[in-house]
């Protein structure tokens, strides 16, 4: 399993546009085959940093997922929305593997 971790630098005056973008990915990404953890917009602290996180089995699955996303109507529309509105100033994408598992069971106080 790999995790795609995307760090966005966004225009702080266009946070609402990023939130719309994130909600659209919340529909398109799972439909195209990735296990979406979520998109995270600024709340406190930095007003310019946001994240997107999803899991895939491997890099080959990522390539197939990206091809499906490119053909997805909402995916195409969301890419165009981002380019048109210019709220994403920078996007860094990393692929990570979990190193801390197996985890112990969560104990709720």
Protein backbone atom coordinates (compact mmCIF):
# COMPACT_ATOMS: atom_id res chain seq x y z
CA UNK A 1 0.00 0.00 0.00
CA UNK A 2 1.22 3.50 -0.83
CA UNK A 3 -0.19 6.81 0.32
CA UNK A 4 -0.23 9.84 -1.95
CA UNK A 5 0.29 12.90 0.22
CA UNK A 6 -0.33 16.21 -1.56
CA UNK A 7 0.71 19.50 0.00
CA UNK A 8 -0.94 22.55 -1.51
CA UNK A 9 0.03 26.16 -1.16
CA UNK A 10 -3.21 28.05 -1.72
CA UNK A 11 -4.21 31.68 -2.06
CA UNK A 12 -5.54 32.57 1.42
CA UNK A 13 -8.19 34.81 -0.14
CA UNK A 14 -9.54 31.89 -2.18
CA UNK A 15 -9.92 29.29 0.58
CA UNK A 16 -13.60 28.80 -0.29
CA UNK A 17 -12.62 27.89 -3.87
CA UNK A 18 -10.18 25.30 -2.51
CA UNK A 19 -12.94 23.87 -0.32
CA UNK A 20 -15.20 23.48 -3.37
CA UNK A 21 -12.28 21.82 -5.20
CA UNK A 22 -11.76 19.44 -2.25
CA UNK A 23 -15.45 18.50 -2.12
CA UNK A 24 -15.39 17.70 -5.82
CA UNK A 25 -12.39 15.40 -5.30
CA UNK A 26 -14.35 13.79 -2.48
CA UNK A 27 -16.70 12.47 -5.17
CA UNK A 28 -14.34 11.85 -8.09
CA UNK A 29 -11.34 10.25 -6.37
CA UNK A 30 -13.16 7.27 -4.78
CA UNK A 31 -15.18 6.77 -7.95
CA UNK A 32 -11.93 6.47 -9.92
CA UNK A 33 -10.41 3.88 -7.59
CA UNK A 34 -8.35 5.51 -4.84
CA UNK A 35 -9.10 5.17 -1.13
CA UNK A 36 -9.52 8.82 -0.13
CA UNK A 37 -8.52 9.72 3.42
CA UNK A 38 -9.55 13.32 2.81
CA UNK A 39 -8.75 16.85 1.79
CA UNK A 40 -7.83 19.28 4.54
CA UNK A 41 -8.20 23.06 4.30
CA UNK A 42 -6.69 25.68 6.64
CA UNK A 43 -8.54 26.18 9.90
CA UNK A 44 -6.05 27.61 12.43
CA UNK A 45 -2.42 28.54 11.96
CA UNK A 46 -1.22 28.80 8.37
CA UNK A 47 -3.83 30.15 6.00
CA UNK A 48 -1.95 28.96 2.92
CA UNK A 49 -1.32 25.24 3.51
CA UNK A 50 -3.79 22.49 2.59
CA UNK A 51 -3.48 18.72 2.08
CA UNK A 52 -4.99 15.86 0.12
CA UNK A 53 -4.34 12.24 1.16
CA UNK A 54 -5.35 8.95 -0.45
CA UNK A 55 -4.19 5.33 -0.58
CA UNK A 56 -3.54 2.99 -3.50
CA UNK A 57 -2.10 -0.53 -3.68
CA UNK A 58 0.99 0.47 -5.71
CA UNK A 59 2.36 2.88 -8.36
CA UNK A 60 0.85 0.87 -11.23
CA UNK A 61 -2.57 1.31 -9.60
CA UNK A 62 -1.83 5.02 -9.27
CA UNK A 63 -1.18 5.30 -13.01
CA UNK A 64 -4.45 3.51 -13.83
CA UNK A 65 -6.31 5.68 -11.32
CA UNK A 66 -4.88 8.87 -12.88
CA UNK A 67 -6.03 7.75 -16.34
CA UNK A 68 -9.56 7.13 -15.02
CA UNK A 69 -9.55 10.49 -13.23
CA UNK A 70 -8.52 12.25 -16.45
CA UNK A 71 -11.53 10.70 -18.22
CA UNK A 72 -13.96 11.39 -15.38
CA UNK A 73 -16.28 14.36 -16.16
CA UNK A 74 -16.02 15.80 -12.63
CA UNK A 75 -12.27 15.21 -12.60
CA UNK A 76 -11.83 17.14 -15.87
CA UNK A 77 -14.14 19.90 -14.63
CA UNK A 78 -12.24 20.18 -11.33
CA UNK A 79 -8.86 20.46 -13.05
CA UNK A 80 -10.28 23.22 -15.28
CA UNK A 81 -11.79 24.97 -12.23
CA UNK A 82 -8.39 24.99 -10.52
CA UNK A 83 -6.63 26.39 -13.59
CA UNK A 84 -9.30 29.02 -14.17
CA UNK A 85 -9.58 30.26 -10.58
CA UNK A 86 -5.84 29.97 -9.75
CA UNK A 87 -6.32 29.26 -6.04
CA UNK A 88 -3.59 26.57 -6.03
CA UNK A 89 -0.25 28.37 -6.06
CA UNK A 90 1.90 25.26 -5.63
CA UNK A 91 1.31 21.52 -5.38
CA UNK A 92 3.83 18.98 -4.05
CA UNK A 93 3.02 15.27 -4.35
CA UNK A 94 4.80 12.54 -2.37
CA UNK A 95 4.30 8.80 -2.21
CA UNK A 96 4.79 7.30 1.25
CA UNK A 97 4.67 3.81 2.78
CA UNK A 98 3.49 3.27 6.34
CA UNK A 99 6.40 2.54 8.64
CA UNK A 100 4.67 2.38 12.04
CA UNK A 101 2.46 -0.68 11.60
CA UNK A 102 1.31 -2.88 13.08
CA UNK A 103 -0.42 -0.47 15.43
CA UNK A 104 -1.75 -1.41 18.83
CA UNK A 105 -5.45 -1.15 19.50
CA UNK A 106 -6.79 2.34 20.25
CA UNK A 107 -7.58 2.82 23.92
CA UNK A 108 -10.25 5.41 24.58
CA UNK A 109 -9.89 7.19 27.92
